[in-house]
Amino acid sequence: MDASPQVRIGAITALMDFNHPDSIELIKSTLYDENSEVIENAVVALYNLSGADILLDIINDEKSNQTTKNKAQEILDEYEND
């Protein structure tokens, strides 16, 4: 929850690399960040940790903003639709 978006992105990356059972829930909390880079990094990290199902959850989540949904759809289109 640092004021710097770069610090928040670094925390997301560290949580993804650590792959602790609590990492997914902690990263999910950043999906509602005010910074689009933080959101995009969170979506990528969640995909790396959980796979395509979490992207579908994001896309279907009424609370997710359009930036979040667009990034989730972009990853699905690029990596899951072979």
Protein backbone atom coordinates (compact mmCIF):
# COMPACT_ATOMS: atom_id res chain seq x y z
CA MET A 1 0.00 0.00 0.00
CA ASP A 2 2.96 2.29 -0.62
CA ALA A 3 2.32 5.64 -2.30
CA SER A 4 4.64 4.71 -5.16
CA PRO A 5 3.11 2.56 -7.91
CA GLN A 6 6.57 1.11 -8.63
CA VAL A 7 6.87 -0.13 -5.05
CA ARG A 8 3.40 -1.71 -5.30
CA ILE A 9 4.40 -3.39 -8.58
CA GLY A 10 7.58 -4.66 -6.91
CA ALA A 11 5.49 -6.11 -4.09
CA ILE A 12 3.23 -7.90 -6.59
CA THR A 13 6.27 -9.38 -8.32
CA ALA A 14 7.75 -10.49 -5.00
CA LEU A 15 4.48 -12.13 -3.96
CA MET A 16 4.28 -13.93 -7.30
CA ASP A 17 7.87 -15.15 -7.03
CA PHE A 18 7.38 -16.21 -3.40
CA ASN A 19 4.29 -18.24 -4.39
CA HIS A 20 3.01 -18.42 -0.81
CA PRO A 21 -0.58 -19.67 -0.37
CA ASP A 22 -1.64 -16.15 0.68
CA SER A 23 -0.04 -14.55 -2.39
CA ILE A 24 -3.12 -14.87 -4.59
CA GLU A 25 -5.45 -13.13 -2.14
CA LEU A 26 -2.92 -10.37 -1.48
CA ILE A 27 -2.43 -9.77 -5.20
CA LYS A 28 -6.20 -9.80 -5.80
CA SER A 29 -6.51 -6.83 -3.47
CA THR A 30 -4.43 -4.77 -5.91
CA LEU A 31 -6.89 -5.33 -8.79
CA TYR A 32 -8.73 -2.24 -7.57
CA ASP A 33 -5.66 0.02 -7.44
CA GLU A 34 -5.92 3.51 -8.94
CA ASN A 35 -2.83 2.94 -11.11
CA SER A 36 -3.34 1.00 -14.35
CA GLU A 37 0.24 -0.37 -14.33
CA VAL A 38 -0.32 -1.85 -10.89
CA ILE A 39 -3.56 -3.44 -12.08
CA GLU A 40 -1.96 -4.86 -15.21
CA ASN A 41 0.90 -6.36 -13.19
CA ALA A 42 -1.59 -7.86 -10.75
CA VAL A 43 -3.54 -9.51 -13.57
CA VAL A 44 -0.36 -10.96 -15.09
CA ALA A 45 0.81 -12.22 -11.69
CA LEU A 46 -2.53 -13.86 -10.97
CA TYR A 47 -2.48 -15.54 -14.36
CA ASN A 48 1.04 -16.82 -13.73
CA LEU A 49 0.00 -18.21 -10.35
CA SER A 50 -3.45 -19.56 -11.19
CA GLY A 51 -3.95 -19.88 -14.93
CA ALA A 52 -6.81 -18.92 -17.21
CA ASP A 53 -9.66 -19.53 -14.75
CA ILE A 54 -8.72 -16.49 -12.69
CA LEU A 55 -8.84 -14.34 -15.83
CA LEU A 56 -12.41 -15.45 -16.45
CA ASP A 57 -13.24 -14.60 -12.84
CA ILE A 58 -11.81 -11.10 -13.36
CA ILE A 59 -13.70 -10.59 -16.60
CA ASN A 60 -16.97 -11.65 -14.99
CA ASP A 61 -16.45 -9.67 -11.76
CA GLU A 62 -18.88 -6.75 -11.70
CA LYS A 63 -16.50 -4.82 -9.42
CA SER A 64 -13.59 -5.03 -11.88
CA ASN A 65 -13.03 -1.89 -13.90
CA GLN A 66 -12.64 -1.94 -17.66
CA THR A 67 -8.82 -1.67 -17.52
CA THR A 68 -8.69 -4.83 -15.42
CA LYS A 69 -11.11 -6.70 -17.67
CA ASN A 70 -9.27 -5.59 -20.82
CA LYS A 71 -5.92 -6.86 -19.52
CA ALA A 72 -7.45 -10.19 -18.52
CA GLN A 73 -9.05 -10.54 -21.97
CA GLU A 74 -5.78 -9.57 -23.69
CA ILE A 75 -3.91 -12.34 -21.85
CA LEU A 76 -6.63 -14.87 -22.63
CA ASP A 77 -6.54 -13.94 -26.31
CA GLU A 78 -2.75 -14.07 -26.52
CA TYR A 79 -1.93 -17.15 -24.45
CA GLU A 80 -5.04 -19.27 -24.20
CA ASN A 81 -6.55 -19.17 -27.68
CA ASP A 82 -4.07 -21.18 -29.70
